[in-house]
């Protein structure tokens, strides 16, 4: 599985060692409190799910593009809120994919 990470990865304040978390995500090591924020495959913007989902067969063939990592679901939600507020402030609308990847316009 080749997980890709956003170059300016959003990291929640509860994550003390992001490089270690990324290393464990790449190797499917268990992490009880780690949630990821990933680009949605369809027309949705972002998805939040527990890192244990990456151990499913689907993700071995379809690895997610990870935008952020957080300790706990609530922290992940707060990261998405921060991204949404930044997109609104910059562009005037909450299209998160266009905010995160402005070069794809």
PDB file of N, CA and C in Angstrom:
ATOM      1  N   UNK A   1       0.848  -1.171   0.000  1.00  0.00           N
ATOM      2  CA  UNK A   1       0.000   0.000   0.000  1.00  0.00           C
ATOM      3  C   UNK A   1       0.894   1.235   0.000  1.00  0.00           C
ATOM      4  N   UNK A   2       0.629   2.134  -0.903  1.00  0.00           N
ATOM      5  CA  UNK A   2       1.417   3.357  -1.019  1.00  0.00           C
ATOM      6  C   UNK A   2       0.539   4.547  -0.645  1.00  0.00           C
ATOM      7  N   UNK A   3       0.529   4.862   0.642  1.00  0.00           N
ATOM      8  CA  UNK A   3      -0.237   6.003   1.128  1.00  0.00           C
ATOM      9  C   UNK A   3       0.488   7.282   0.733  1.00  0.00           C
ATOM     10  N   UNK A   4      -0.285   8.266   0.278  1.00  0.00           N
ATOM     11  CA  UNK A   4       0.274   9.561  -0.061  1.00  0.00           C
ATOM     12  C   UNK A   4      -0.213  10.580   0.965  1.00  0.00           C
ATOM     13  N   UNK A   5       0.680  11.468   1.337  1.00  0.00           N
ATOM     14  CA  UNK A   5       0.366  12.502   2.306  1.00  0.00           C
ATOM     15  C   UNK A   5       0.416  13.871   1.644  1.00  0.00           C
ATOM     16  N   UNK A   6      -0.508  14.730   2.031  1.00  0.00           N
ATOM     17  CA  UNK A   6      -0.542  16.116   1.581  1.00  0.00           C
ATOM     18  C   UNK A   6       0.769  16.784   1.986  1.00  0.00           C
ATOM     19  N   UNK A   7       1.411  17.559   1.085  1.00  0.00           N
ATOM     20  CA  UNK A   7       2.703  18.167   1.418  1.00  0.00           C
ATOM     21  C   UNK A   7       2.674  19.042   2.680  1.00  0.00           C
ATOM     22  N   UNK A   8       1.583  19.758   2.887  1.00  0.00           N
ATOM     23  CA  UNK A   8       1.420  20.596   4.077  1.00  0.00           C
ATOM     24  C   UNK A   8       0.438  19.919   5.027  1.00  0.00           C
ATOM     25  N   UNK A   9       0.764  18.703   5.405  1.00  0.00           N
ATOM     26  CA  UNK A   9      -0.112  17.861   6.217  1.00  0.00           C
ATOM     27  C   UNK A   9      -0.630  18.617   7.444  1.00  0.00           C
ATOM     28  N   UNK A  10      -1.940  18.542   7.638  1.00  0.00           N
ATOM     29  CA  UNK A  10      -2.550  19.127   8.830  1.00  0.00           C
ATOM     30  C   UNK A  10      -2.369  18.128   9.972  1.00  0.00           C
ATOM     31  N   UNK A  11      -1.845  18.609  11.078  1.00  0.00           N
ATOM     32  CA  UNK A  11      -1.564  17.740  12.218  1.00  0.00           C
ATOM     33  C   UNK A  11      -2.244  18.328  13.445  1.00  0.00           C
ATOM     34  N   UNK A  12      -3.085  17.522  14.070  1.00  0.00           N
ATOM     35  CA  UNK A  12      -3.770  17.964  15.276  1.00  0.00           C
ATOM     36  C   UNK A  12      -2.805  18.138  16.433  1.00  0.00           C
ATOM     37  N   UNK A  13      -3.162  18.980  17.403  1.00  0.00           N
ATOM     38  CA  UNK A  13      -2.275  19.233  18.542  1.00  0.00           C
ATOM     39  C   UNK A  13      -2.017  18.004  19.414  1.00  0.00           C
ATOM     40  N   UNK A  14      -2.870  17.003  19.325  1.00  0.00           N
ATOM     41  CA  UNK A  14      -2.674  15.796  20.116  1.00  0.00           C
ATOM     42  C   UNK A  14      -1.633  14.851  19.548  1.00  0.00           C
ATOM     43  N   UNK A  15      -1.222  15.084  18.313  1.00  0.00           N
ATOM     44  CA  UNK A  15      -0.210  14.247  17.665  1.00  0.00           C
ATOM     45  C   UNK A  15       1.158  14.814  18.021  1.00  0.00           C
ATOM     46  N   UNK A  16       1.889  14.089  18.844  1.00  0.00           N
ATOM     47  CA  UNK A  16       3.183  14.583  19.332  1.00  0.00           C
ATOM     48  C   UNK A  16       4.334  14.292  18.368  1.00  0.00           C
ATOM     49  N   UNK A  17       4.239  13.190  17.610  1.00  0.00           N
ATOM     50  CA  UNK A  17       5.315  12.820  16.694  1.00  0.00           C
ATOM     51  C   UNK A  17       4.692  12.427  15.342  1.00  0.00           C
ATOM     52  N   UNK A  18       4.420  13.416  14.479  1.00  0.00           N
ATOM     53  CA  UNK A  18       3.758  13.116  13.198  1.00  0.00           C
ATOM     54  C   UNK A  18       4.516  12.130  12.321  1.00  0.00           C
ATOM     55  N   UNK A  19       5.841  12.199  12.322  1.00  0.00           N
ATOM     56  CA  UNK A  19       6.611  11.272  11.482  1.00  0.00           C
ATOM     57  C   UNK A  19       6.432   9.830  11.930  1.00  0.00           C
ATOM     58  N   UNK A  20       6.362   9.613  13.229  1.00  0.00           N
ATOM     59  CA  UNK A  20       6.131   8.265  13.747  1.00  0.00           C
ATOM     60  C   UNK A  20       4.736   7.768  13.372  1.00  0.00           C
ATOM     61  N   UNK A  21       3.735   8.647  13.452  1.00  0.00           N
ATOM     62  CA  UNK A  21       2.367   8.283  13.068  1.00  0.00           C
ATOM     63  C   UNK A  21       2.322   7.934  11.586  1.00  0.00           C
ATOM     64  N   UNK A  22       2.967   8.737  10.745  1.00  0.00           N
ATOM     65  CA  UNK A  22       2.998   8.453   9.307  1.00  0.00           C
ATOM     66  C   UNK A  22       3.681   7.108   9.037  1.00  0.00           C
ATOM     67  N   UNK A  23       4.787   6.851   9.733  1.00  0.00           N
ATOM     68  CA  UNK A  23       5.509   5.588   9.573  1.00  0.00           C
ATOM     69  C   UNK A  23       4.591   4.415   9.914  1.00  0.00           C
ATOM     70  N   UNK A  24       3.870   4.534  11.020  1.00  0.00           N
ATOM     71  CA  UNK A  24       2.960   3.461  11.433  1.00  0.00           C
ATOM     72  C   UNK A  24       1.799   3.302  10.453  1.00  0.00           C
ATOM     73  N   UNK A  25       1.289   4.397   9.913  1.00  0.00           N
ATOM     74  CA  UNK A  25       0.209   4.310   8.928  1.00  0.00           C
ATOM     75  C   UNK A  25       0.678   3.552   7.684  1.00  0.00           C
ATOM     76  N   UNK A  26       1.888   3.831   7.247  1.00  0.00           N
ATOM     77  CA  UNK A  26       2.425   3.155   6.056  1.00  0.00           C
ATOM     78  C   UNK A  26       2.600   1.654   6.279  1.00  0.00           C
ATOM     79  N   UNK A  27       2.793   1.253   7.524  1.00  0.00           N
ATOM     80  CA  UNK A  27       3.045  -0.158   7.836  1.00  0.00           C
ATOM     81  C   UNK A  27       1.862  -0.866   8.496  1.00  0.00           C
ATOM     82  N   UNK A  28       0.715  -0.215   8.494  1.00  0.00           N
ATOM     83  CA  UNK A  28      -0.504  -0.793   9.073  1.00  0.00           C
ATOM     84  C   UNK A  28      -0.352  -1.167  10.542  1.00  0.00           C
ATOM     85  N   UNK A  29       0.457  -0.432  11.263  1.00  0.00           N
ATOM     86  CA  UNK A  29       0.606  -0.674  12.701  1.00  0.00           C
ATOM     87  C   UNK A  29      -0.592  -0.069  13.426  1.00  0.00           C
ATOM     88  N   UNK A  30      -1.066  -0.741  14.433  1.00  0.00           N
ATOM     89  CA  UNK A  30      -2.232  -0.271  15.169  1.00  0.00           C
ATOM     90  C   UNK A  30      -1.954   1.007  15.949  1.00  0.00           C
ATOM     91  N   UNK A  31      -2.906   1.901  15.897  1.00  0.00           N
ATOM     92  CA  UNK A  31      -2.851   3.159  16.645  1.00  0.00           C
ATOM     93  C   UNK A  31      -4.268   3.448  17.129  1.00  0.00           C
ATOM     94  N   UNK A  32      -4.492   3.299  18.401  1.00  0.00           N
ATOM     95  CA  UNK A  32      -5.849   3.348  18.931  1.00  0.00           C
ATOM     96  C   UNK A  32      -6.560   4.677  18.731  1.00  0.00           C
ATOM     97  N   UNK A  33      -5.869   5.782  18.852  1.00  0.00           N
ATOM     98  CA  UNK A  33      -6.542   7.075  18.862  1.00  0.00           C
ATOM     99  C   UNK A  33      -6.333   7.908  17.605  1.00  0.00           C
ATOM    100  N   UNK A  34      -5.711   7.353  16.575  1.00  0.00           N
ATOM    101  CA  UNK A  34      -5.391   8.144  15.386  1.00  0.00           C
ATOM    102  C   UNK A  34      -6.520   8.079  14.358  1.00  0.00           C
ATOM    103  N   UNK A  35      -6.959   9.267  13.965  1.00  0.00           N
ATOM    104  CA  UNK A  35      -7.941   9.414  12.892  1.00  0.00           C
ATOM    105  C   UNK A  35      -7.265  10.132  11.748  1.00  0.00           C
ATOM    106  N   UNK A  36      -7.721   9.831  10.545  1.00  0.00           N
ATOM    107  CA  UNK A  36      -7.160  10.502   9.385  1.00  0.00           C
ATOM    108  C   UNK A  36      -8.240  11.301   8.672  1.00  0.00           C
ATOM    109  N   UNK A  37      -7.800  12.373   8.047  1.00  0.00           N
ATOM    110  CA  UNK A  37      -8.657  13.179   7.182  1.00  0.00           C
ATOM    111  C   UNK A  37      -8.115  12.947   5.779  1.00  0.00           C
ATOM    112  N   UNK A  38      -8.954  12.425   4.906  1.00  0.00           N
ATOM    113  CA  UNK A  38      -8.500  12.059   3.564  1.00  0.00           C
ATOM    114  C   UNK A  38      -9.401  12.687   2.510  1.00  0.00           C
ATOM    115  N   UNK A  39      -8.858  12.843   1.313  1.00  0.00           N
ATOM    116  CA  UNK A  39      -9.679  13.287   0.187  1.00  0.00           C
ATOM    117  C   UNK A  39     -10.716  12.229  -0.104  1.00  0.00           C
ATOM    118  N   UNK A  40     -11.934  12.658  -0.322  1.00  0.00           N
ATOM    119  CA  UNK A  40     -12.994  11.727  -0.680  1.00  0.00           C
ATOM    120  C   UNK A  40     -12.795  11.277  -2.125  1.00  0.00           C
ATOM    121  N   UNK A  41     -13.135  10.032  -2.401  1.00  0.00           N
ATOM    122  CA  UNK A  41     -12.968   9.498  -3.753  1.00  0.00           C
ATOM    123  C   UNK A  41     -14.012  10.061  -4.710  1.00  0.00           C
ATOM    124  N   UNK A  42     -15.207  10.311  -4.208  1.00  0.00           N
ATOM    125  CA  UNK A  42     -16.289  10.807  -5.061  1.00  0.00           C
ATOM    126  C   UNK A  42     -16.355  12.317  -5.082  1.00  0.00           C
ATOM    127  N   UNK A  43     -17.572  12.821  -5.140  1.00  0.00           N
ATOM    128  CA  UNK A  43     -17.774  14.262  -5.223  1.00  0.00           C
ATOM    129  C   UNK A  43     -17.727  14.949  -3.857  1.00  0.00           C
ATOM    130  N   UNK A  44     -17.719  14.162  -2.791  1.00  0.00           N
ATOM    131  CA  UNK A  44     -17.598  14.760  -1.469  1.00  0.00           C
ATOM    132  C   UNK A  44     -16.236  15.428  -1.335  1.00  0.00           C
ATOM    133  N   UNK A  45     -16.066  16.189  -0.289  1.00  0.00           N
ATOM    134  CA  UNK A  45     -14.833  16.937  -0.091  1.00  0.00           C
ATOM    135  C   UNK A  45     -13.772  16.119   0.653  1.00  0.00           C
ATOM    136  N   UNK A  46     -14.033  15.890   1.939  1.00  0.00           N
ATOM    137  CA  UNK A  46     -13.086  15.163   2.780  1.00  0.00           C
ATOM    138  C   UNK A  46     -13.818  14.094   3.579  1.00  0.00           C
ATOM    139  N   UNK A  47     -13.073  13.093   3.997  1.00  0.00           N
ATOM    140  CA  UNK A  47     -13.620  12.028   4.833  1.00  0.00           C
ATOM    141  C   UNK A  47     -12.769  11.912   6.088  1.00  0.00           C
ATOM    142  N   UNK A  48     -13.431  11.557   7.177  1.00  0.00           N
ATOM    143  CA  UNK A  48     -12.734  11.301   8.433  1.00  0.00           C
ATOM    144  C   UNK A  48     -12.996   9.856   8.800  1.00  0.00           C
ATOM    145  N   UNK A  49     -11.934   9.116   9.093  1.00  0.00           N
ATOM    146  CA  UNK A  49     -12.130   7.765   9.592  1.00  0.00           C
ATOM    147  C   UNK A  49     -10.948   7.317  10.431  1.00  0.00           C
ATOM    148  N   UNK A  50     -11.193   6.309  11.236  1.00  0.00           N
ATOM    149  CA  UNK A  50     -10.165   5.762  12.117  1.00  0.00           C
ATOM    150  C   UNK A  50      -9.119   5.078  11.253  1.00  0.00           C
ATOM    151  N   UNK A  51      -7.869   5.141  11.688  1.00  0.00           N
ATOM    152  CA  UNK A  51      -6.774   4.573  10.893  1.00  0.00           C
ATOM    153  C   UNK A  51      -6.888   3.058  10.718  1.00  0.00           C
ATOM    154  N   UNK A  52      -7.657   2.382  11.563  1.00  0.00           N
ATOM    155  CA  UNK A  52      -7.832   0.931  11.426  1.00  0.00           C
ATOM    156  C   UNK A  52      -8.516   0.564  10.108  1.00  0.00           C
ATOM    157  N   UNK A  53      -9.265   1.505   9.516  1.00  0.00           N
ATOM    158  CA  UNK A  53      -9.914   1.234   8.232  1.00  0.00           C
ATOM    159  C   UNK A  53      -8.883   0.938   7.145  1.00  0.00           C
ATOM    160  N   UNK A  54      -7.667   1.449   7.303  1.00  0.00           N
ATOM    161  CA  UNK A  54      -6.633   1.227   6.303  1.00  0.00           C
ATOM    162  C   UNK A  54      -6.201  -0.233   6.225  1.00  0.00           C
ATOM    163  N   UNK A  55      -6.583  -1.036   7.192  1.00  0.00           N
ATOM    164  CA  UNK A  55      -6.225  -2.453   7.189  1.00  0.00           C
ATOM    165  C   UNK A  55      -7.185  -3.290   6.348  1.00  0.00           C
ATOM    166  N   UNK A  56      -8.247  -2.685   5.844  1.00  0.00           N
ATOM    167  CA  UNK A  56      -9.179  -3.405   4.978  1.00  0.00           C
ATOM    168  C   UNK A  56      -8.556  -3.617   3.596  1.00  0.00           C
ATOM    169  N   UNK A  57      -8.963  -4.697   2.939  1.00  0.00           N
ATOM    170  CA  UNK A  57      -8.406  -5.042   1.626  1.00  0.00           C
ATOM    171  C   UNK A  57      -8.567  -3.915   0.606  1.00  0.00           C
ATOM    172  N   UNK A  58      -9.690  -3.224   0.653  1.00  0.00           N
ATOM    173  CA  UNK A  58      -9.954  -2.149  -0.312  1.00  0.00           C
ATOM    174  C   UNK A  58      -8.823  -1.122  -0.326  1.00  0.00           C
ATOM    175  N   UNK A  59      -8.348  -0.740   0.842  1.00  0.00           N
ATOM    176  CA  UNK A  59      -7.344   0.317   0.936  1.00  0.00           C
ATOM    177  C   UNK A  59      -5.954  -0.142   0.505  1.00  0.00           C
ATOM    178  N   UNK A  60      -5.733  -1.440   0.416  1.00  0.00           N
ATOM    179  CA  UNK A  60      -4.462  -1.932  -0.110  1.00  0.00           C
ATOM    180  C   UNK A  60      -4.347  -1.622  -1.603  1.00  0.00           C
ATOM    181  N   UNK A  61      -5.480  -1.676  -2.304  1.00  0.00           N
ATOM    182  CA  UNK A  61      -5.496  -1.371  -3.739  1.00  0.00           C
ATOM    183  C   UNK A  61      -5.840   0.089  -4.020  1.00  0.00           C
ATOM    184  N   UNK A  62      -6.521   0.741  -3.071  1.00  0.00           N
ATOM    185  CA  UNK A  62      -6.961   2.126  -3.248  1.00  0.00           C
ATOM    186  C   UNK A  62      -6.543   2.958  -2.034  1.00  0.00           C
ATOM    187  N   UNK A  63      -5.251   3.203  -1.879  1.00  0.00           N
ATOM    188  CA  UNK A  63      -4.810   3.952  -0.693  1.00  0.00           C
ATOM    189  C   UNK A  63      -5.336   5.384  -0.711  1.00  0.00           C
ATOM    190  N   UNK A  64      -5.662   5.921   0.446  1.00  0.00           N
ATOM    191  CA  UNK A  64      -6.192   7.287   0.504  1.00  0.00           C
ATOM    192  C   UNK A  64      -5.089   8.331   0.362  1.00  0.00           C
ATOM    193  N   UNK A  65      -5.494   9.511  -0.010  1.00  0.00           N
ATOM    194  CA  UNK A  65      -4.594  10.658  -0.012  1.00  0.00           C
ATOM    195  C   UNK A  65      -4.886  11.397   1.282  1.00  0.00           C
ATOM    196  N   UNK A  66      -3.961  11.361   2.219  1.00  0.00           N
ATOM    197  CA  UNK A  66      -4.202  11.869   3.565  1.00  0.00           C
ATOM    198  C   UNK A  66      -3.853  13.353   3.651  1.00  0.00           C
ATOM    199  N   UNK A  67      -4.845  14.123   4.076  1.00  0.00           N
ATOM    200  CA  UNK A  67      -4.713  15.569   4.222  1.00  0.00           C
ATOM    201  C   UNK A  67      -4.300  15.928   5.641  1.00  0.00           C
ATOM    202  N   UNK A  68      -4.764  15.120   6.624  1.00  0.00           N
ATOM    203  CA  UNK A  68      -4.461  15.442   8.006  1.00  0.00           C
ATOM    204  C   UNK A  68      -4.526  14.221   8.903  1.00  0.00           C
ATOM    205  N   UNK A  69      -3.891  14.345  10.055  1.00  0.00           N
ATOM    206  CA  UNK A  69      -3.943  13.293  11.072  1.00  0.00           C
ATOM    207  C   UNK A  69      -4.287  13.948  12.404  1.00  0.00           C
ATOM    208  N   UNK A  70      -5.041  13.214  13.209  1.00  0.00           N
ATOM    209  CA  UNK A  70      -5.508  13.772  14.473  1.00  0.00           C
ATOM    210  C   UNK A  70      -5.591  12.687  15.533  1.00  0.00           C
ATOM    211  N   UNK A  71      -5.526  13.134  16.775  1.00  0.00           N
ATOM    212  CA  UNK A  71      -5.720  12.233  17.906  1.00  0.00           C
ATOM    213  C   UNK A  71      -7.176  12.366  18.338  1.00  0.00           C
ATOM    214  N   UNK A  72      -7.969  11.429  17.895  1.00  0.00           N
ATOM    215  CA  UNK A  72      -9.385  11.435  18.239  1.00  0.00           C
ATOM    216  C   UNK A  72     -10.252  12.044  17.151  1.00  0.00           C
ATOM    217  N   UNK A  73     -11.502  11.631  17.153  1.00  0.00           N
ATOM    218  CA  UNK A  73     -12.467  12.076  16.148  1.00  0.00           C
ATOM    219  C   UNK A  73     -12.760  13.569  16.265  1.00  0.00           C
ATOM    220  N   UNK A  74     -12.907  14.049  17.493  1.00  0.00           N
ATOM    221  CA  UNK A  74     -13.218  15.466  17.692  1.00  0.00           C
ATOM    222  C   UNK A  74     -12.108  16.371  17.159  1.00  0.00           C
ATOM    223  N   UNK A  75     -10.870  15.976  17.376  1.00  0.00           N
ATOM    224  CA  UNK A  75      -9.748  16.754  16.857  1.00  0.00           C
ATOM    225  C   UNK A  75      -9.750  16.754  15.327  1.00  0.00           C
ATOM    226  N   UNK A  76     -10.114  15.635  14.726  1.00  0.00           N
ATOM    227  CA  UNK A  76     -10.203  15.552  13.261  1.00  0.00           C
ATOM    228  C   UNK A  76     -11.291  16.495  12.741  1.00  0.00           C
ATOM    229  N   UNK A  77     -12.413  16.536  13.426  1.00  0.00           N
ATOM    230  CA  UNK A  77     -13.496  17.450  13.032  1.00  0.00           C
ATOM    231  C   UNK A  77     -13.011  18.896  13.115  1.00  0.00           C
ATOM    232  N   UNK A  78     -12.277  19.220  14.163  1.00  0.00           N
ATOM    233  CA  UNK A  78     -11.765  20.585  14.313  1.00  0.00           C
ATOM    234  C   UNK A  78     -10.803  20.956  13.191  1.00  0.00           C
ATOM    235  N   UNK A  79     -10.021  20.002  12.713  1.00  0.00           N
ATOM    236  CA  UNK A  79      -9.118  20.264  11.588  1.00  0.00           C
ATOM    237  C   UNK A  79      -9.929  20.567  10.331  1.00  0.00           C
ATOM    238  N   UNK A  80     -10.973  19.793  10.085  1.00  0.00           N
ATOM    239  CA  UNK A  80     -11.823  20.034   8.909  1.00  0.00           C
ATOM    240  C   UNK A  80     -12.495  21.407   9.018  1.00  0.00           C
ATOM    241  N   UNK A  81     -12.926  21.768  10.215  1.00  0.00           N
ATOM    242  CA  UNK A  81     -13.520  23.097  10.426  1.00  0.00           C
ATOM    243  C   UNK A  81     -12.490  24.180  10.107  1.00  0.00           C
ATOM    244  N   UNK A  82     -11.259  24.004  10.568  1.00  0.00           N
ATOM    245  CA  UNK A  82     -10.199  24.984  10.288  1.00  0.00           C
ATOM    246  C   UNK A  82      -9.943  25.114   8.785  1.00  0.00           C
ATOM    247  N   UNK A  83      -9.897  23.991   8.087  1.00  0.00           N
ATOM    248  CA  UNK A  83      -9.685  24.016   6.630  1.00  0.00           C
ATOM    249  C   UNK A  83     -10.843  24.732   5.947  1.00  0.00           C
ATOM    250  N   UNK A  84     -12.062  24.444   6.393  1.00  0.00           N
ATOM    251  CA  UNK A  84     -13.258  25.067   5.802  1.00  0.00           C
ATOM    252  C   UNK A  84     -13.246  26.579   6.030  1.00  0.00           C
ATOM    253  N   UNK A  85     -12.920  27.008   7.238  1.00  0.00           N
ATOM    254  CA  UNK A  85     -12.867  28.440   7.531  1.00  0.00           C
ATOM    255  C   UNK A  85     -11.785  29.135   6.707  1.00  0.00           C
ATOM    256  N   UNK A  86     -10.650  28.486   6.529  1.00  0.00           N
ATOM    257  CA  UNK A  86      -9.578  29.065   5.712  1.00  0.00           C
ATOM    258  C   UNK A  86     -10.016  29.170   4.252  1.00  0.00           C
ATOM    259  N   UNK A  87     -10.720  28.158   3.756  1.00  0.00           N
ATOM    260  CA  UNK A  87     -11.211  28.184   2.371  1.00  0.00           C
ATOM    261  C   UNK A  87     -12.228  29.309   2.185  1.00  0.00           C
ATOM    262  N   UNK A  88     -13.122  29.472   3.162  1.00  0.00           N
ATOM    263  CA  UNK A  88     -14.113  30.550   3.086  1.00  0.00           C
ATOM    264  C   UNK A  88     -13.442  31.922   3.103  1.00  0.00           C
ATOM    265  N   UNK A  89     -12.454  32.075   3.975  1.00  0.00           N
ATOM    266  CA  UNK A  89     -11.759  33.358   4.077  1.00  0.00           C
ATOM    267  C   UNK A  89     -11.001  33.694   2.797  1.00  0.00           C
ATOM    268  N   UNK A  90     -10.405  32.690   2.179  1.00  0.00           N
ATOM    269  CA  UNK A  90      -9.585  32.940   0.987  1.00  0.00           C
ATOM    270  C   UNK A  90     -10.420  33.058  -0.285  1.00  0.00           C
ATOM    271  N   UNK A  91     -11.366  32.125  -0.470  1.00  0.00           N
ATOM    272  CA  UNK A  91     -12.083  32.041  -1.738  1.00  0.00           C
ATOM    273  C   UNK A  91     -13.534  32.517  -1.671  1.00  0.00           C
ATOM    274  N   UNK A  92     -14.076  32.623  -0.471  1.00  0.00           N
ATOM    275  CA  UNK A  92     -15.473  33.036  -0.344  1.00  0.00           C
ATOM    276  C   UNK A  92     -16.465  31.894  -0.479  1.00  0.00           C
ATOM    277  N   UNK A  93     -15.968  30.685  -0.672  1.00  0.00           N
ATOM    278  CA  UNK A  93     -16.846  29.501  -0.761  1.00  0.00           C
ATOM    279  C   UNK A  93     -16.088  28.293  -0.211  1.00  0.00           C
ATOM    280  N   UNK A  94     -16.835  27.302   0.287  1.00  0.00           N
ATOM    281  CA  UNK A  94     -16.182  26.189   0.992  1.00  0.00           C
ATOM    282  C   UNK A  94     -15.817  24.986   0.115  1.00  0.00           C
ATOM    283  N   UNK A  95     -15.247  25.227  -1.056  1.00  0.00           N
ATOM    284  CA  UNK A  95     -14.787  24.109  -1.877  1.00  0.00           C
ATOM    285  C   UNK A  95     -13.387  23.735  -1.396  1.00  0.00           C
ATOM    286  N   UNK A  96     -13.333  22.716  -0.556  1.00  0.00           N
ATOM    287  CA  UNK A  96     -12.080  22.364   0.100  1.00  0.00           C
ATOM    288  C   UNK A  96     -11.052  21.818  -0.869  1.00  0.00           C
ATOM    289  N   UNK A  97     -11.487  21.044  -1.854  1.00  0.00           N
ATOM    290  CA  UNK A  97     -10.530  20.501  -2.827  1.00  0.00           C
ATOM    291  C   UNK A  97      -9.860  21.615  -3.632  1.00  0.00           C
ATOM    292  N   UNK A  98     -10.637  22.622  -4.018  1.00  0.00           N
ATOM    293  CA  UNK A  98     -10.048  23.747  -4.754  1.00  0.00           C
ATOM    294  C   UNK A  98      -9.134  24.573  -3.860  1.00  0.00           C
ATOM    295  N   UNK A  99      -9.466  24.661  -2.583  1.00  0.00           N
ATOM    296  CA  UNK A  99      -8.610  25.382  -1.640  1.00  0.00           C
ATOM    297  C   UNK A  99      -7.293  24.640  -1.425  1.00  0.00           C
ATOM    298  N   UNK A 100      -7.367  23.322  -1.253  1.00  0.00           N
ATOM    299  CA  UNK A 100      -6.170  22.535  -0.990  1.00  0.00           C
ATOM    300  C   UNK A 100      -5.284  22.372  -2.230  1.00  0.00           C
ATOM    301  N   UNK A 101      -5.909  22.365  -3.402  1.00  0.00           N
ATOM    302  CA  UNK A 101      -5.177  22.156  -4.650  1.00  0.00           C
ATOM    303  C   UNK A 101      -5.542  23.260  -5.660  1.00  0.00           C
ATOM    304  N   UNK A 102      -5.135  24.498  -5.411  1.00  0.00           N
ATOM    305  CA  UNK A 102      -5.533  25.604  -6.302  1.00  0.00           C
ATOM    306  C   UNK A 102      -4.966  25.471  -7.717  1.00  0.00           C
ATOM    307  N   UNK A 103      -3.880  24.724  -7.865  1.00  0.00           N
ATOM    308  CA  UNK A 103      -3.272  24.557  -9.184  1.00  0.00           C
ATOM    309  C   UNK A 103      -4.108  23.694 -10.118  1.00  0.00           C
ATOM    310  N   UNK A 104      -5.115  23.001  -9.576  1.00  0.00           N
ATOM    311  CA  UNK A 104      -5.960  22.121 -10.400  1.00  0.00           C
ATOM    312  C   UNK A 104      -7.166  22.851 -10.972  1.00  0.00           C
ATOM    313  N   UNK A 105      -7.248  24.169 -10.820  1.00  0.00           N
ATOM    314  CA  UNK A 105      -8.389  24.920 -11.363  1.00  0.00           C
ATOM    315  C   UNK A 105      -8.365  24.933 -12.871  1.00  0.00           C
TER     316      UNK A 105
END
